[in-house]
Amino acid sequence: MDALGGKEAIEEPDVASLPYLQSVVKEALRLHPVGPIMLPHQAVEDNLEIGGYAVPKGSTVIFNDWAIMRDPSVSERPDEFVPERWFLNGAAEIDFRGKDFEFIPFGSGRDVSWHADGGARRAMHAGIAAACV
């Protein structure tokens, strides 16, 4: 692999120079999120509206992660595996940390960074790269 400078095995620091590998992992998680239904969240604001519905403060809200990431209003051809979509319109900047709500494979909220920055993400990149070498 030219991107690895002739190395035979990929190491974690190499992932930053492999944008297509990153897009394959993102696309796999978009189609098959870690948990298709997010953990319950509590509405902490008054006058909250979600999908046209008024949600009173203190209500428990459960989001369907799987449906959000397959929403045709967010992604063209949402049921197809298309890693190239992550190179369009700044999508490469979207990460796993739950800030971009069209891509939330590890959910959203206070605990998401542990999963998104921890071993789960690293293991996926390493596993896919090892299978391709």
C-alpha atoms as a PDB file:
ATOM      1  CA  MET A   1       0.000   0.000   0.000  1.00  0.00           C
ATOM      2  CA  ASP A   2       1.496   3.316  -1.051  1.00  0.00           C
ATOM      3  CA  ALA A   3      -0.307   5.174   1.731  1.00  0.00           C
ATOM      4  CA  LEU A   4       1.668   3.161   4.294  1.00  0.00           C
ATOM      5  CA  GLY A   5       5.045   3.961   2.767  1.00  0.00           C
ATOM      6  CA  GLY A   6       5.892   0.343   2.035  1.00  0.00           C
ATOM      7  CA  LYS A   7       5.035  -1.007   5.495  1.00  0.00           C
ATOM      8  CA  GLU A   8       3.467  -4.457   5.504  1.00  0.00           C
ATOM      9  CA  ALA A   9       1.222  -3.931   8.525  1.00  0.00           C
ATOM     10  CA  ILE A  10      -1.017  -1.040   9.453  1.00  0.00           C
ATOM     11  CA  GLU A  11      -0.632   0.657  12.814  1.00  0.00           C
ATOM     12  CA  GLU A  12      -3.072   2.975  14.564  1.00  0.00           C
ATOM     13  CA  PRO A  13      -1.252   6.220  13.568  1.00  0.00           C
ATOM     14  CA  ASP A  14      -1.548   5.151   9.904  1.00  0.00           C
ATOM     15  CA  VAL A  15      -5.355   5.482   9.958  1.00  0.00           C
ATOM     16  CA  ALA A  16      -5.142   9.280   9.648  1.00  0.00           C
ATOM     17  CA  SER A  17      -3.512   8.861   6.209  1.00  0.00           C
ATOM     18  CA  LEU A  18      -6.150   6.372   5.004  1.00  0.00           C
ATOM     19  CA  PRO A  19      -9.294   8.423   4.303  1.00  0.00           C
ATOM     20  CA  TYR A  20     -10.982   5.666   2.314  1.00  0.00           C
ATOM     21  CA  LEU A  21     -10.558   3.247   5.229  1.00  0.00           C
ATOM     22  CA  GLN A  22     -12.145   5.855   7.502  1.00  0.00           C
ATOM     23  CA  SER A  23     -15.064   6.238   5.089  1.00  0.00           C
ATOM     24  CA  VAL A  24     -15.588   2.447   4.925  1.00  0.00           C
ATOM     25  CA  VAL A  25     -15.811   2.300   8.735  1.00  0.00           C
ATOM     26  CA  LYS A  26     -18.221   5.257   8.832  1.00  0.00           C
ATOM     27  CA  GLU A  27     -20.414   3.722   6.145  1.00  0.00           C
ATOM     28  CA  ALA A  28     -20.485   0.342   7.903  1.00  0.00           C
ATOM     29  CA  LEU A  29     -21.540   2.046  11.141  1.00  0.00           C
ATOM     30  CA  ARG A  30     -24.120   4.175   9.331  1.00  0.00           C
ATOM     31  CA  LEU A  31     -25.801   1.076   7.941  1.00  0.00           C
ATOM     32  CA  HIS A  32     -25.324  -1.046  11.056  1.00  0.00           C
ATOM     33  CA  PRO A  33     -25.070   1.157  14.157  1.00  0.00           C
ATOM     34  CA  VAL A  34     -23.746  -0.328  17.381  1.00  0.00           C
ATOM     35  CA  GLY A  35     -27.170  -0.012  18.995  1.00  0.00           C
ATOM     36  CA  PRO A  36     -30.091   0.688  16.663  1.00  0.00           C
ATOM     37  CA  ILE A  37     -32.101   2.276  19.478  1.00  0.00           C
ATOM     38  CA  MET A  38     -30.310   4.862  21.614  1.00  0.00           C
ATOM     39  CA  LEU A  39     -30.420   4.879  25.385  1.00  0.00           C
ATOM     40  CA  PRO A  40     -33.255   7.002  26.774  1.00  0.00           C
ATOM     41  CA  HIS A  41     -32.613  10.734  27.083  1.00  0.00           C
ATOM     42  CA  GLN A  42     -34.526  13.243  29.161  1.00  0.00           C
ATOM     43  CA  ALA A  43     -35.836  16.499  27.709  1.00  0.00           C
ATOM     44  CA  VAL A  44     -34.153  19.222  29.764  1.00  0.00           C
ATOM     45  CA  GLU A  45     -35.727  22.264  28.097  1.00  0.00           C
ATOM     46  CA  ASP A  46     -39.200  23.738  27.920  1.00  0.00           C
ATOM     47  CA  ASN A  47     -40.819  24.246  24.499  1.00  0.00           C
ATOM     48  CA  LEU A  48     -38.847  21.430  22.887  1.00  0.00           C
ATOM     49  CA  GLU A  49     -40.092  20.179  19.528  1.00  0.00           C
ATOM     50  CA  ILE A  50     -38.921  16.961  17.883  1.00  0.00           C
ATOM     51  CA  GLY A  51     -40.282  15.946  14.513  1.00  0.00           C
ATOM     52  CA  GLY A  52     -43.211  18.343  14.869  1.00  0.00           C
ATOM     53  CA  TYR A  53     -44.200  17.026  18.299  1.00  0.00           C
ATOM     54  CA  ALA A  54     -44.127  19.106  21.485  1.00  0.00           C
ATOM     55  CA  VAL A  55     -42.027  17.346  24.124  1.00  0.00           C
ATOM     56  CA  PRO A  56     -42.602  18.572  27.690  1.00  0.00           C
ATOM     57  CA  LYS A  57     -39.579  19.161  29.925  1.00  0.00           C
ATOM     58  CA  GLY A  58     -38.766  16.011  31.916  1.00  0.00           C
ATOM     59  CA  SER A  59     -40.114  13.627  29.256  1.00  0.00           C
ATOM     60  CA  THR A  60     -38.127  10.539  28.358  1.00  0.00           C
ATOM     61  CA  VAL A  61     -37.185  10.461  24.681  1.00  0.00           C
ATOM     62  CA  ILE A  62     -35.874   7.415  22.798  1.00  0.00           C
ATOM     63  CA  PHE A  63     -34.336   7.886  19.345  1.00  0.00           C
ATOM     64  CA  ASN A  64     -34.192   5.302  16.591  1.00  0.00           C
ATOM     65  CA  ASP A  65     -30.552   5.561  15.544  1.00  0.00           C
ATOM     66  CA  TRP A  66     -30.996   3.097  12.692  1.00  0.00           C
ATOM     67  CA  ALA A  67     -33.832   5.113  11.120  1.00  0.00           C
ATOM     68  CA  ILE A  68     -32.050   8.446  11.519  1.00  0.00           C
ATOM     69  CA  MET A  69     -28.998   7.241   9.609  1.00  0.00           C
ATOM     70  CA  ARG A  70     -31.137   5.704   6.849  1.00  0.00           C
ATOM     71  CA  ASP A  71     -33.319   8.776   6.379  1.00  0.00           C
ATOM     72  CA  PRO A  72     -33.598   9.545   2.627  1.00  0.00           C
ATOM     73  CA  SER A  73     -33.842  13.260   3.407  1.00  0.00           C
ATOM     74  CA  VAL A  74     -30.324  13.071   4.886  1.00  0.00           C
ATOM     75  CA  SER A  75     -28.567  10.606   2.567  1.00  0.00           C
ATOM     76  CA  GLU A  76     -28.978   9.799  -1.083  1.00  0.00           C
ATOM     77  CA  ARG A  77     -29.453   6.024  -1.545  1.00  0.00           C
ATOM     78  CA  PRO A  78     -29.587   5.478   2.239  1.00  0.00           C
ATOM     79  CA  ASP A  79     -29.914   1.671   2.064  1.00  0.00           C
ATOM     80  CA  GLU A  80     -26.793   1.193  -0.064  1.00  0.00           C
ATOM     81  CA  PHE A  81     -23.176   0.796   1.065  1.00  0.00           C
ATOM     82  CA  VAL A  82     -21.504   3.838  -0.513  1.00  0.00           C
ATOM     83  CA  PRO A  83     -18.282   4.805   1.312  1.00  0.00           C
ATOM     84  CA  GLU A  84     -17.708   7.605  -1.198  1.00  0.00           C
ATOM     85  CA  ARG A  85     -20.570   9.597   0.364  1.00  0.00           C
ATOM     86  CA  TRP A  86     -18.116  10.588   3.119  1.00  0.00           C
ATOM     87  CA  PHE A  87     -16.047  12.595   0.626  1.00  0.00           C
ATOM     88  CA  LEU A  88     -18.959  14.853  -0.398  1.00  0.00           C
ATOM     89  CA  ASN A  89     -19.996  18.244   0.990  1.00  0.00           C
ATOM     90  CA  GLY A  90     -17.681  18.255   4.010  1.00  0.00           C
ATOM     91  CA  ALA A  91     -18.895  14.871   5.252  1.00  0.00           C
ATOM     92  CA  ALA A  92     -15.300  13.802   5.947  1.00  0.00           C
ATOM     93  CA  GLU A  93     -15.361  16.180   8.932  1.00  0.00           C
ATOM     94  CA  ILE A  94     -18.289  14.338  10.533  1.00  0.00           C
ATOM     95  CA  ASP A  95     -17.019  12.186  13.372  1.00  0.00           C
ATOM     96  CA  PHE A  96     -18.212   9.535  15.814  1.00  0.00           C
ATOM     97  CA  ARG A  97     -18.710  11.844  18.806  1.00  0.00           C
ATOM     98  CA  GLY A  98     -22.455  12.394  18.454  1.00  0.00           C
ATOM     99  CA  LYS A  99     -22.361  16.078  17.488  1.00  0.00           C
ATOM    100  CA  ASP A 100     -23.575  15.511  13.917  1.00  0.00           C
ATOM    101  CA  PHE A 101     -27.012  13.975  14.294  1.00  0.00           C
ATOM    102  CA  GLU A 102     -27.116  12.430  10.828  1.00  0.00           C
ATOM    103  CA  PHE A 103     -24.286  10.101  11.976  1.00  0.00           C
ATOM    104  CA  ILE A 104     -24.590   8.821  15.540  1.00  0.00           C
ATOM    105  CA  PRO A 105     -23.510   5.140  15.559  1.00  0.00           C
ATOM    106  CA  PHE A 106     -22.503   5.313  19.226  1.00  0.00           C
ATOM    107  CA  GLY A 107     -25.441   7.480  20.267  1.00  0.00           C
ATOM    108  CA  SER A 108     -25.226  10.999  21.608  1.00  0.00           C
ATOM    109  CA  GLY A 109     -24.698  12.569  24.997  1.00  0.00           C
ATOM    110  CA  ARG A 110     -22.157  12.553  27.816  1.00  0.00           C
ATOM    111  CA  ASP A 111     -20.985   8.951  27.496  1.00  0.00           C
ATOM    112  CA  VAL A 112     -20.566   8.790  23.737  1.00  0.00           C
ATOM    113  CA  SER A 113     -16.924   9.896  23.717  1.00  0.00           C
ATOM    114  CA  TRP A 114     -15.802   6.764  25.586  1.00  0.00           C
ATOM    115  CA  HIS A 115     -17.110   4.539  22.788  1.00  0.00           C
ATOM    116  CA  ALA A 116     -16.240   6.829  19.914  1.00  0.00           C
ATOM    117  CA  ASP A 117     -12.672   7.553  21.021  1.00  0.00           C
ATOM    118  CA  GLY A 118     -12.025   4.250  22.722  1.00  0.00           C
ATOM    119  CA  GLY A 119     -11.256   0.762  21.611  1.00  0.00           C
ATOM    120  CA  ALA A 120     -14.379   0.198  19.501  1.00  0.00           C
ATOM    121  CA  ARG A 121     -13.430   2.674  16.797  1.00  0.00           C
ATOM    122  CA  ARG A 122      -9.752   1.694  16.817  1.00  0.00           C
ATOM    123  CA  ALA A 123     -10.555  -2.003  16.620  1.00  0.00           C
ATOM    124  CA  MET A 124     -12.802  -1.476  13.594  1.00  0.00           C
ATOM    125  CA  HIS A 125     -10.141   0.426  11.646  1.00  0.00           C
ATOM    126  CA  ALA A 126      -7.455  -2.116  12.515  1.00  0.00           C
ATOM    127  CA  GLY A 127      -9.640  -5.106  11.702  1.00  0.00           C
ATOM    128  CA  ILE A 128     -10.759  -3.815   8.318  1.00  0.00           C
ATOM    129  CA  ALA A 129      -7.259  -2.706   7.382  1.00  0.00           C
ATOM    130  CA  ALA A 130      -5.759  -6.059   8.374  1.00  0.00           C
ATOM    131  CA  ALA A 131      -8.321  -7.858   6.211  1.00  0.00           C
ATOM    132  CA  CYS A 132      -7.397  -5.711   3.216  1.00  0.00           C
ATOM    133  CA  VAL A 133      -3.608  -6.056   3.407  1.00  0.00           C
END
